[in-house]
């Protein structure tokens, strides 16, 4: 087993992924935990997962893209989902970015198409708090802590 260390470069990441593949392909039987290969596989997997979280993080999809993706997965046409939007004209307006999603649409899309709420509400940057209200809100310890963590995660994914 080669010396295993924290992955800091894309080259080290690629090498670790190659080694994981090599370990998996080298044995027809299941790799047992606690064995030399099992320990190496587990450690490399954790390092690769950590590297991917820090360097290859995918953001939440655009709500319209999430809807179109689910429609494609389910082989649905606009006419099929029109009742969720309030009619075929409205579904066209929403999917073309001319009309925003309403809370009712978001709820129905989540319930009937199983689109995660996070995907349906993310990306709407038009709502902002005034500086005074933001300061007031961030003075609440739990909110400040949550906001700080989510800000640092979104910066890390850039």
Protein backbone atom coordinates (compact mmCIF):
# COMPACT_ATOMS: atom_id res chain seq x y z
CA UNK A 1 0.00 0.00 0.00
CA UNK A 2 1.43 3.36 -1.06
CA UNK A 3 1.58 6.28 1.33
CA UNK A 4 -1.91 7.77 1.48
CA UNK A 5 -2.35 11.49 2.15
CA UNK A 6 -4.89 14.29 1.82
CA UNK A 7 -5.69 14.98 -1.84
CA UNK A 8 -4.71 18.52 -2.81
CA UNK A 9 -4.39 18.44 -6.59
CA UNK A 10 -6.38 17.09 -9.49
CA UNK A 11 -3.48 14.78 -10.31
CA UNK A 12 -3.57 13.25 -6.80
CA UNK A 13 -7.37 12.95 -7.11
CA UNK A 14 -7.08 11.14 -10.46
CA UNK A 15 -4.42 8.81 -9.04
CA UNK A 16 -6.63 7.96 -6.03
CA UNK A 17 -9.63 7.27 -8.30
CA UNK A 18 -7.42 5.04 -10.44
CA UNK A 19 -6.27 3.14 -7.37
CA UNK A 20 -9.87 2.67 -6.18
CA UNK A 21 -10.76 1.25 -9.58
CA UNK A 22 -7.69 -0.98 -9.49
CA UNK A 23 -8.60 -2.37 -6.04
CA UNK A 24 -12.19 -3.06 -7.08
CA UNK A 25 -11.18 -4.76 -10.34
CA UNK A 26 -8.41 -6.84 -8.77
CA UNK A 27 -10.74 -9.12 -6.86
CA UNK A 28 -13.75 -11.12 -8.05
CA UNK A 29 -14.96 -11.54 -4.46
CA UNK A 30 -16.30 -8.79 -2.24
CA UNK A 31 -13.64 -6.73 -0.55
CA UNK A 32 -14.00 -7.32 3.16
CA UNK A 33 -13.71 -4.50 5.71
CA UNK A 34 -10.69 -4.87 7.95
CA UNK A 35 -8.53 -6.41 5.24
CA UNK A 36 -5.59 -4.52 3.75
CA UNK A 37 -7.56 -3.82 0.55
CA UNK A 38 -10.72 -3.00 2.48
CA UNK A 39 -8.93 -0.44 4.66
CA UNK A 40 -7.19 1.14 1.68
CA UNK A 41 -10.44 1.31 -0.29
CA UNK A 42 -12.30 2.90 2.61
CA UNK A 43 -9.58 5.50 3.23
CA UNK A 44 -9.21 6.40 -0.45
CA UNK A 45 -12.99 6.66 -0.81
CA UNK A 46 -13.16 9.14 2.08
CA UNK A 47 -10.32 11.21 0.63
CA UNK A 48 -11.91 11.26 -2.83
CA UNK A 49 -15.31 12.18 -1.38
CA UNK A 50 -13.75 15.03 0.60
CA UNK A 51 -11.84 16.30 -2.45
CA UNK A 52 -15.01 16.20 -4.56
CA UNK A 53 -17.00 18.15 -1.95
CA UNK A 54 -14.35 20.86 -1.90
CA UNK A 55 -13.50 21.02 -5.61
CA UNK A 56 -16.29 19.50 -7.66
CA UNK A 57 -19.37 20.53 -5.73
CA UNK A 58 -22.46 20.89 -7.84
CA UNK A 59 -24.85 23.63 -6.94
CA UNK A 60 -28.56 23.27 -6.78
CA UNK A 61 -30.01 23.36 -10.30
CA UNK A 62 -31.98 26.26 -11.66
CA UNK A 63 -35.69 25.62 -10.86
CA UNK A 64 -36.73 25.69 -14.52
CA UNK A 65 -33.93 23.29 -15.45
CA UNK A 66 -35.00 20.99 -12.59
CA UNK A 67 -38.58 20.97 -13.91
CA UNK A 68 -37.49 20.31 -17.49
CA UNK A 69 -35.13 17.56 -16.34
CA UNK A 70 -37.90 15.81 -14.40
CA UNK A 71 -40.29 16.17 -17.30
CA UNK A 72 -37.68 14.58 -19.56
CA UNK A 73 -37.09 11.77 -17.06
CA UNK A 74 -40.80 11.05 -16.87
CA UNK A 75 -41.32 11.54 -20.63
CA UNK A 76 -43.85 14.33 -20.01
CA UNK A 77 -44.94 17.13 -22.31
CA UNK A 78 -46.06 20.61 -21.27
CA UNK A 79 -49.68 19.63 -21.76
CA UNK A 80 -49.19 16.77 -19.26
CA UNK A 81 -48.05 19.09 -16.48
CA UNK A 82 -50.35 22.02 -17.32
CA UNK A 83 -52.71 21.29 -14.38
CA UNK A 84 -49.79 21.85 -11.97
CA UNK A 85 -49.24 25.34 -13.38
CA UNK A 86 -52.85 26.41 -13.89
CA UNK A 87 -53.10 25.87 -17.63
CA UNK A 88 -51.11 25.33 -20.79
CA UNK A 89 -50.42 29.04 -21.34
CA UNK A 90 -49.04 29.45 -17.84
CA UNK A 91 -46.79 26.37 -18.07
CA UNK A 92 -45.29 27.79 -21.25
CA UNK A 93 -44.71 31.18 -19.60
CA UNK A 94 -43.01 29.59 -16.58
CA UNK A 95 -40.80 27.24 -18.59
CA UNK A 96 -39.72 30.14 -20.81
CA UNK A 97 -38.84 32.31 -17.82
CA UNK A 98 -41.60 34.86 -18.40
CA UNK A 99 -43.50 34.08 -15.21
CA UNK A 100 -42.13 33.10 -11.79
CA UNK A 101 -43.15 29.96 -9.96
CA UNK A 102 -45.81 30.51 -7.32
CA UNK A 103 -45.89 28.78 -3.96
CA UNK A 104 -48.81 26.67 -5.19
CA UNK A 105 -46.88 25.57 -8.30
CA UNK A 106 -43.82 24.72 -6.20
CA UNK A 107 -45.93 22.66 -3.81
CA UNK A 108 -47.68 20.77 -6.62
CA UNK A 109 -44.44 20.12 -8.53
CA UNK A 110 -42.90 18.72 -5.37
CA UNK A 111 -45.94 16.58 -4.55
CA UNK A 112 -46.77 15.19 -7.99
CA UNK A 113 -43.40 15.12 -9.77
CA UNK A 114 -41.19 14.61 -6.72
CA UNK A 115 -38.93 17.56 -7.52
CA UNK A 116 -37.06 18.51 -4.33
CA UNK A 117 -38.19 21.79 -2.81
CA UNK A 118 -34.56 22.97 -2.68
CA UNK A 119 -34.37 22.69 -6.46
CA UNK A 120 -37.59 24.61 -6.97
CA UNK A 121 -36.79 27.56 -4.74
CA UNK A 122 -33.03 27.97 -5.20
CA UNK A 123 -31.55 30.62 -7.40
CA UNK A 124 -34.12 33.35 -6.86
CA UNK A 125 -31.80 36.27 -6.16
CA UNK A 126 -34.37 39.04 -6.50
CA UNK A 127 -35.38 38.93 -2.83
CA UNK A 128 -33.01 40.86 -0.58
CA UNK A 129 -33.22 42.29 2.92
CA UNK A 130 -32.28 45.86 3.66
CA UNK A 131 -28.92 46.21 5.45
CA UNK A 132 -30.73 47.16 8.69
CA UNK A 133 -33.03 44.12 8.61
CA UNK A 134 -30.14 41.83 7.64
CA UNK A 135 -28.09 43.05 10.61
CA UNK A 136 -31.10 42.53 12.89
CA UNK A 137 -31.58 39.01 11.62
CA UNK A 138 -27.89 38.10 11.84
CA UNK A 139 -27.81 39.19 15.49
CA UNK A 140 -29.75 36.01 16.27
CA UNK A 141 -27.07 33.43 17.11
CA UNK A 142 -28.61 30.38 15.44
CA UNK A 143 -29.39 32.30 12.23
CA UNK A 144 -25.92 33.82 12.11
CA UNK A 145 -24.30 30.42 12.56
CA UNK A 146 -26.45 28.82 9.84
CA UNK A 147 -25.89 31.73 7.46
CA UNK A 148 -22.12 31.68 8.02
CA UNK A 149 -21.92 27.93 7.32
CA UNK A 150 -24.06 28.12 4.17
CA UNK A 151 -22.07 31.14 2.90
CA UNK A 152 -18.76 29.34 3.40
CA UNK A 153 -20.12 26.24 1.62
CA UNK A 154 -21.34 28.26 -1.37
CA UNK A 155 -17.96 30.05 -1.62
CA UNK A 156 -16.15 26.70 -1.46
CA UNK A 157 -18.21 25.39 -4.38
CA UNK A 158 -17.22 28.33 -6.60
